Amino acid sequence: MEQIKEYDLASALHALNQHQTQEINKEVKCNKCSATFSMNPYSFSGNCPYCDSPAITDFVKEITPKSLLPFQISNKKAQALFKQWIGSRWFAPSQLKKFAQGDEKLKGYYLPYWTYDANTTTHYQGQRGDVYYVTVTKTVVVNGRQEQRQVEEARIRWTAVSGRVDNSFDDITIGASETIAYAILDNLAPWHTEMLVPFNKKYLAGFDSEEYTVGLDNGFELAKVKMDAIIRQDIHYDIGGDQQQITSMQTQYNNTSYKNVLFPVWTAQFKWKNKTYNYAINGQTGKVSGQRPYSWLKIIAIVGTLGGGAGGAVYIDQHPEVLNPLRQNFIDNKAKEERNPYGEIDRNTLSYDKYHN
């Protein structure tokens, strides 16, 4: 099999700076019915709107995809996974579940992604916190009477530290399309990039495909955020102790390279109360990601069932755990939409194979 190549990032960024922007005109003539129609500026495959035959046009971007991941999840399987995902959403409006049960097929896309490799060296300064205990006298109440007792109390001893961590990152994936929100695309990871195949137009038949609209430079800045999250975790580990603080860090990026690839994605849209909610399914693994509306009528109904009217509100106030499923679902979805790059990160979701020397 033809080897999947990596390309030097610095050289590509320099070449892009010298490139002149061209006017984009995507007039396409169908090979089957000879009709002429227009494609979106950055689309390069789709179906003829008159006879539904596959149509493929030329690239207009400076960097073109050299590899892709073929679809492994069929439309039928993706539809089943989508229904299962919708069914697990607490307090989703009934219209959403009816939408998922409908006959409308999901739309298949080959969407552009960047993958980045880099070796990093990070020098840091911080504080190491070690817990120790001291014996103190405290007043406690026992059987209604105050007593003086000796208790152990935790303290933290902070020590200034500095050091260096080295990392090697491989195939950090960054969505390069604006068709679907970045947070949704990012949450489709992991992608098994070891299964990439050389680009061939035969894979595009029957699917829409796009060129990148998130530039190579902007994509690398997003990749740095992912790298930073892992680097910070490794610094915490390097500092050791019971608690750690990072006061400063400087990272150098070496041997940086990239690939422009196409990943398979099934998509759907649901409109409810004048707002559009987007969904996406990883066409390789079947993982589902998306936005979701809440039906406050269902929430109010739960309140009424538990106590009725104002009494129900009081009950909820006194027993907030009954809404824990809703609260956790809300937190999970907000975390997906507004991911904290400095929080605890599962390395596997960042979709790279090697991450540490």
Protein backbone atom coordinates (compact mmCIF):
# COMPACT_ATOMS: atom_id res chain seq x y z
CA MET A 1 0.00 0.00 0.00
CA GLU A 2 1.16 3.52 -0.79
CA GLN A 3 2.71 5.19 2.26
CA ILE A 4 0.82 8.07 3.89
CA LYS A 5 3.21 11.03 3.96
CA GLU A 6 3.65 13.82 6.49
CA TYR A 7 4.42 17.34 5.21
CA ASP A 8 6.64 19.98 6.75
CA LEU A 9 4.51 22.60 8.51
CA ALA A 10 6.93 25.54 8.35
CA SER A 11 7.48 25.14 4.60
CA ALA A 12 3.75 24.95 3.93
CA LEU A 13 2.98 28.06 6.00
CA HIS A 14 5.69 29.98 4.13
CA ALA A 15 4.25 28.91 0.77
CA LEU A 16 0.73 29.88 1.82
CA ASN A 17 1.93 33.38 2.73
CA GLN A 18 3.11 33.81 -0.87
CA HIS A 19 -0.14 32.57 -2.38
CA GLN A 20 -2.60 34.96 -4.01
CA THR A 21 -6.31 34.48 -3.24
CA GLN A 22 -8.28 33.38 -6.30
CA GLU A 23 -11.92 33.94 -7.17
CA ILE A 24 -13.87 30.73 -6.74
CA ASN A 25 -16.39 29.66 -9.38
CA LYS A 26 -17.88 26.18 -9.04
CA GLU A 27 -20.00 25.71 -12.18
CA VAL A 28 -20.38 21.97 -12.79
CA LYS A 29 -21.74 20.11 -15.83
CA CYS A 30 -23.34 16.74 -15.04
CA ASN A 31 -21.80 13.90 -17.06
CA LYS A 32 -25.13 12.03 -17.16
CA CYS A 33 -27.88 14.58 -17.88
CA SER A 34 -25.62 17.45 -19.08
CA ALA A 35 -27.31 19.93 -16.71
CA THR A 36 -25.20 22.78 -15.37
CA PHE A 37 -25.39 23.72 -11.71
CA SER A 38 -23.35 25.47 -9.04
CA MET A 39 -21.64 23.88 -6.05
CA ASN A 40 -20.74 25.61 -2.83
CA PRO A 41 -17.35 27.34 -3.17
CA TYR A 42 -15.42 24.78 -1.11
CA SER A 43 -17.37 21.64 -2.08
CA PHE A 44 -15.73 19.31 -4.58
CA SER A 45 -18.19 16.42 -4.66
CA GLY A 46 -21.95 16.04 -4.40
CA ASN A 47 -24.95 14.93 -6.42
CA CYS A 48 -26.56 16.54 -9.44
CA PRO A 49 -29.75 18.31 -8.25
CA TYR A 50 -31.55 17.20 -11.44
CA CYS A 51 -30.72 13.49 -11.82
CA ASP A 52 -28.97 12.77 -8.48
CA SER A 53 -25.86 11.45 -10.23
CA PRO A 54 -22.52 11.84 -8.42
CA ALA A 55 -20.59 14.94 -9.47
CA ILE A 56 -16.97 15.73 -8.68
CA THR A 57 -15.16 18.95 -9.50
CA ASP A 58 -11.63 20.32 -9.11
CA PHE A 59 -9.97 21.56 -5.94
CA VAL A 60 -9.49 25.29 -5.43
CA LYS A 61 -7.47 25.30 -2.22
CA GLU A 62 -3.68 25.46 -2.13
CA ILE A 63 -3.41 22.26 -0.08
CA THR A 64 -5.36 19.23 -1.23
CA PRO A 65 -6.18 16.02 0.67
CA LYS A 66 -3.74 13.19 0.05
CA SER A 67 -5.48 10.59 2.22
CA LEU A 68 -8.83 9.73 3.78
CA LEU A 69 -10.68 7.32 6.05
CA PRO A 70 -13.39 5.39 4.16
CA PHE A 71 -16.88 5.05 5.62
CA GLN A 72 -17.14 1.99 7.88
CA ILE A 73 -20.62 2.81 9.28
CA SER A 74 -23.51 2.47 6.83
CA ASN A 75 -26.40 4.93 6.67
CA LYS A 76 -28.70 2.30 8.21
CA LYS A 77 -26.31 1.62 11.09
CA ALA A 78 -25.75 5.35 11.64
CA GLN A 79 -29.51 5.89 11.78
CA ALA A 80 -29.82 3.18 14.45
CA LEU A 81 -27.02 4.72 16.51
CA PHE A 82 -28.63 8.15 16.16
CA LYS A 83 -31.99 6.81 17.42
CA GLN A 84 -30.25 5.15 20.35
CA TRP A 85 -28.44 8.39 21.22
CA ILE A 86 -31.65 10.44 21.02
CA GLY A 87 -33.46 7.88 23.19
CA SER A 88 -30.87 8.36 25.94
CA ARG A 89 -31.37 12.15 26.11
CA TRP A 90 -33.30 13.03 29.28
CA PHE A 91 -36.06 15.60 28.81
CA ALA A 92 -35.63 15.85 25.03
CA PRO A 93 -38.74 17.19 23.26
CA SER A 94 -40.99 14.52 21.76
CA GLN A 95 -40.54 16.07 18.31
CA LEU A 96 -36.83 15.21 18.44
CA LYS A 97 -37.51 11.55 19.11
CA LYS A 98 -40.13 11.51 16.34
CA PHE A 99 -37.54 13.08 14.05
CA ALA A 100 -35.08 10.29 14.88
CA GLN A 101 -37.75 7.65 14.23
CA GLY A 102 -38.60 9.15 10.84
CA ASP A 103 -37.55 7.97 7.40
CA GLU A 104 -35.33 10.94 6.63
CA LYS A 105 -31.84 9.66 5.90
CA LEU A 106 -28.69 11.10 7.38
CA LYS A 107 -26.44 12.99 5.00
CA GLY A 108 -22.94 11.63 4.39
CA TYR A 109 -19.95 13.97 4.20
CA TYR A 110 -16.24 13.63 3.76
CA LEU A 111 -15.13 16.54 5.91
CA PRO A 112 -11.63 18.03 5.96
CA TYR A 113 -9.38 17.62 8.98
CA TRP A 114 -5.82 18.55 9.77
CA THR A 115 -3.53 16.18 11.61
CA TYR A 116 -0.42 17.54 13.32
CA ASP A 117 2.79 16.00 14.64
CA ALA A 118 5.26 17.81 16.90
CA ASN A 119 8.07 17.23 19.37
CA THR A 120 7.84 19.66 22.27
CA THR A 121 10.20 20.78 25.01
CA THR A 122 8.62 22.69 27.90
CA HIS A 123 10.49 24.49 30.68
CA TYR A 124 8.33 25.28 33.68
CA GLN A 125 8.33 26.86 37.12
CA GLY A 126 5.81 26.10 39.83
CA GLN A 127 5.06 25.01 43.37
CA ARG A 128 4.96 21.54 44.92
CA GLY A 129 2.54 21.07 47.80
CA ASP A 130 3.14 18.34 50.40
CA VAL A 131 0.50 17.61 52.99
CA TYR A 132 1.54 17.25 56.61
CA TYR A 133 -0.46 17.10 59.83
CA VAL A 134 -0.30 19.02 63.09
CA THR A 135 -2.07 18.36 66.36
CA VAL A 136 -4.37 21.17 67.46
CA THR A 137 -6.85 21.64 70.27
CA LYS A 138 -10.44 22.19 69.22
CA THR A 139 -13.75 22.61 70.98
CA VAL A 140 -16.28 19.97 70.03
CA VAL A 141 -19.84 19.27 71.19
CA VAL A 142 -20.48 15.76 72.58
CA ASN A 143 -23.94 14.88 73.89
CA GLY A 144 -24.79 18.55 74.15
CA ARG A 145 -21.65 19.43 76.11
CA GLN A 146 -18.54 21.23 74.93
CA GLU A 147 -15.25 19.42 75.23
CA GLN A 148 -11.62 20.17 74.37
CA ARG A 149 -10.07 17.54 72.15
CA GLN A 150 -6.77 17.02 70.33
CA VAL A 151 -7.33 16.56 66.59
CA GLU A 152 -5.06 16.15 63.57
CA GLU A 153 -5.30 19.03 61.07
CA ALA A 154 -3.93 18.95 57.52
CA ARG A 155 -1.52 21.65 56.33
CA ILE A 156 0.30 22.10 53.02
CA ARG A 157 4.02 22.87 52.74
CA TRP A 158 4.77 24.63 49.42
CA THR A 159 8.19 24.37 47.75
CA ALA A 160 9.35 26.24 44.64
CA VAL A 161 10.24 23.86 41.78
CA SER A 162 11.35 24.06 38.15
CA GLY A 163 11.99 21.49 35.45
CA ARG A 164 11.52 20.32 31.89
CA VAL A 165 9.19 17.86 30.17
CA ASP A 166 9.54 16.48 26.64
CA ASN A 167 6.63 15.18 24.57
CA SER A 168 6.15 13.63 21.15
CA PHE A 169 2.69 14.14 19.61
CA ASP A 170 1.41 12.18 16.63
CA ASP A 171 -1.74 12.82 14.58
CA ILE A 172 -3.57 15.36 16.71
CA THR A 173 -6.80 15.82 14.73
CA ILE A 174 -8.42 19.22 14.15
CA GLY A 175 -11.68 19.69 12.26
CA ALA A 176 -11.12 22.04 9.32
CA SER A 177 -14.75 22.56 8.26
CA GLU A 178 -17.20 25.27 9.28
CA THR A 179 -20.22 23.24 8.13
CA ILE A 180 -20.52 21.76 11.62
CA ALA A 181 -19.54 23.46 14.88
CA TYR A 182 -15.96 22.78 15.94
CA ALA A 183 -17.06 21.47 19.34
CA ILE A 184 -19.21 18.80 17.66
CA LEU A 185 -16.48 17.79 15.21
CA ASP A 186 -13.88 17.66 17.96
CA ASN A 187 -16.06 15.41 20.07
CA LEU A 188 -16.21 12.80 17.29
CA ALA A 189 -12.66 11.73 18.16
CA PRO A 190 -10.89 9.40 18.36
CA TRP A 191 -10.13 8.74 14.70
CA HIS A 192 -8.01 5.71 13.87
CA THR A 193 -5.59 7.44 11.53
CA GLU A 194 -3.45 4.32 11.16
CA MET A 195 -6.23 3.18 8.77
CA LEU A 196 -5.82 6.12 6.38
CA VAL A 197 -5.76 5.21 2.68
CA PRO A 198 -4.38 7.27 -0.24
CA PHE A 199 -6.89 9.74 -1.67
CA ASN A 200 -8.99 8.39 -4.50
CA LYS A 201 -12.08 10.04 -5.98
CA LYS A 202 -13.88 6.69 -6.12
CA TYR A 203 -14.53 6.99 -2.37
CA LEU A 204 -16.42 10.26 -2.88
CA ALA A 205 -19.22 8.89 -5.08
CA GLY A 206 -22.59 9.53 -3.43
CA PHE A 207 -21.17 11.74 -0.68
CA ASP A 208 -20.66 15.47 -0.32
CA SER A 209 -17.06 16.53 0.23
CA GLU A 210 -15.46 19.80 1.25
CA GLU A 211 -12.10 21.48 1.22
CA TYR A 212 -10.81 23.09 4.37
CA THR A 213 -12.12 26.45 5.57
CA VAL A 214 -10.10 26.44 8.82
CA GLY A 215 -6.59 27.37 7.70
CA LEU A 216 -3.42 25.38 8.35
CA ASP A 217 -2.11 28.04 10.75
CA ASN A 218 -5.35 28.36 12.72
CA GLY A 219 -5.62 24.59 12.90
CA PHE A 220 -2.15 24.38 14.43
CA GLU A 221 -3.13 26.93 17.09
CA LEU A 222 -6.05 24.66 18.03
CA ALA A 223 -3.69 21.70 18.09
CA LYS A 224 -1.44 23.62 20.49
CA VAL A 225 -4.37 23.85 22.92
CA LYS A 226 -4.66 20.05 22.90
CA MET A 227 -0.91 19.68 23.32
CA ASP A 228 -0.93 22.20 26.14
CA ALA A 229 -3.50 20.14 28.06
CA ILE A 230 -1.28 17.04 27.94
CA ILE A 231 1.88 19.03 28.70
CA ARG A 232 0.25 20.48 31.81
CA GLN A 233 -0.73 17.04 33.02
CA ASP A 234 2.84 15.83 32.56
CA ILE A 235 4.18 18.86 34.43
CA HIS A 236 1.87 18.09 37.34
CA TYR A 237 3.19 14.52 37.33
CA ASP A 238 6.78 15.76 37.12
CA ILE A 239 6.32 18.13 40.06
CA GLY A 240 4.94 15.34 42.21
CA GLY A 241 3.73 15.83 45.78
CA ASP A 242 0.12 16.04 46.87
CA GLN A 243 -0.76 19.27 45.04
CA GLN A 244 0.86 21.18 42.20
CA GLN A 245 0.78 24.72 40.84
CA ILE A 246 2.23 25.88 37.52
CA THR A 247 3.35 29.50 37.61
CA SER A 248 4.99 29.69 34.16
CA MET A 249 5.78 27.45 31.19
CA GLN A 250 7.50 27.98 27.84
CA THR A 251 7.06 25.42 25.09
CA GLN A 252 9.18 24.96 21.96
CA TYR A 253 7.67 23.08 19.00
CA ASN A 254 10.10 21.11 16.81
CA ASN A 255 9.80 18.77 13.81
CA THR A 256 6.27 19.99 13.15
CA SER A 257 4.39 18.33 10.30
CA TYR A 258 0.83 17.99 9.04
CA LYS A 259 -1.56 16.09 6.79
CA ASN A 260 -4.73 17.31 5.08
CA VAL A 261 -7.19 14.41 5.28
CA LEU A 262 -10.87 13.63 4.79
CA PHE A 263 -12.88 11.92 7.54
CA PRO A 264 -16.32 10.30 7.06
CA VAL A 265 -19.21 11.95 8.92
CA TRP A 266 -22.97 11.37 8.90
CA THR A 267 -24.93 14.53 9.71
CA ALA A 268 -28.46 15.61 10.61
CA GLN A 269 -30.25 18.84 11.57
CA PHE A 270 -33.28 19.30 13.79
CA LYS A 271 -35.21 22.58 13.92
CA TRP A 272 -37.15 23.37 17.07
CA LYS A 273 -38.50 26.73 18.25
CA ASN A 274 -36.66 28.72 15.57
CA LYS A 275 -33.30 27.17 16.40
CA THR A 276 -31.32 24.59 14.45
CA TYR A 277 -29.59 21.76 16.32
CA ASN A 278 -26.80 19.89 14.54
CA TYR A 279 -25.76 16.27 15.00
CA ALA A 280 -22.84 14.29 13.64
CA ILE A 281 -21.84 10.62 13.67
CA ASN A 282 -18.29 9.36 13.22
CA GLY A 283 -18.50 7.34 10.00
CA GLN A 284 -15.60 5.14 11.13
CA THR A 285 -16.50 4.32 14.76
CA GLY A 286 -20.20 5.29 15.07
CA LYS A 287 -19.63 7.78 17.90
CA VAL A 288 -22.45 10.38 18.07
CA SER A 289 -21.98 14.05 18.93
CA GLY A 290 -24.41 16.93 18.85
CA GLN A 291 -26.46 19.65 20.41
CA ARG A 292 -29.76 18.96 22.11
CA PRO A 293 -32.84 20.99 23.06
CA TYR A 294 -34.60 20.63 26.43
CA SER A 295 -38.35 20.30 26.82
CA TRP A 296 -39.18 22.43 29.84
CA LEU A 297 -42.76 21.13 29.64
CA LYS A 298 -41.38 17.71 30.57
CA ILE A 299 -39.36 19.22 33.39
CA ILE A 300 -42.41 21.07 34.71
CA ALA A 301 -44.41 17.85 34.42
CA ILE A 302 -41.83 16.08 36.59
CA VAL A 303 -42.10 18.86 39.15
CA GLY A 304 -45.89 18.57 39.12
CA THR A 305 -45.76 14.78 39.48
CA LEU A 306 -43.45 15.00 42.46
CA GLY A 307 -45.43 17.55 44.39
CA GLY A 308 -47.86 19.50 42.29
CA GLY A 309 -47.59 23.22 41.59
CA ALA A 310 -45.71 25.25 44.14
CA GLY A 311 -45.45 22.19 46.37
CA GLY A 312 -43.53 20.44 43.64
CA ALA A 313 -41.13 23.34 43.41
CA VAL A 314 -40.59 23.13 47.17
CA TYR A 315 -40.01 19.40 46.89
CA ILE A 316 -37.43 19.93 44.15
CA ASP A 317 -35.75 22.59 46.28
CA GLN A 318 -35.54 20.16 49.23
CA HIS A 319 -34.68 17.11 47.14
CA PRO A 320 -32.56 18.40 44.23
CA GLU A 321 -31.19 14.92 43.60
CA VAL A 322 -34.35 14.05 41.63
CA LEU A 323 -33.09 16.27 38.82
CA ASN A 324 -29.57 14.86 38.91
CA PRO A 325 -30.03 13.06 35.56
CA LEU A 326 -31.05 16.35 33.94
CA ARG A 327 -28.26 18.26 35.65
CA GLN A 328 -25.61 15.71 34.70
CA ASN A 329 -26.86 15.53 31.14
CA PHE A 330 -26.73 19.31 30.90
CA ILE A 331 -23.21 19.38 32.35
CA ASP A 332 -22.04 16.65 29.98
CA ASN A 333 -23.40 18.45 26.94
CA LYS A 334 -22.04 21.85 27.98
CA ALA A 335 -18.66 20.23 28.63
CA LYS A 336 -18.70 18.91 25.08
CA GLU A 337 -19.68 22.28 23.64
CA GLU A 338 -17.31 24.35 25.80
CA ARG A 339 -14.44 22.01 26.59
CA ASN A 340 -11.94 23.21 29.20
CA PRO A 341 -8.53 22.55 27.67
CA TYR A 342 -6.89 22.79 31.09
CA GLY A 343 -9.10 20.25 32.84
CA GLU A 344 -8.50 16.53 33.16
CA ILE A 345 -8.09 15.13 29.66
CA ASP A 346 -8.49 11.56 28.49
CA ARG A 347 -5.47 11.09 26.22
CA ASN A 348 -7.36 8.63 24.04
CA THR A 349 -9.93 11.24 22.98
CA LEU A 350 -7.19 13.46 21.52
CA SER A 351 -6.73 10.96 18.70
CA TYR A 352 -3.00 10.51 18.55
CA ASP A 353 -0.96 7.38 19.03
CA LYS A 354 2.31 8.55 20.60
CA TYR A 355 2.28 11.34 23.16
CA HIS A 356 5.24 10.95 25.48
CA ASN A 357 8.89 9.99 25.16
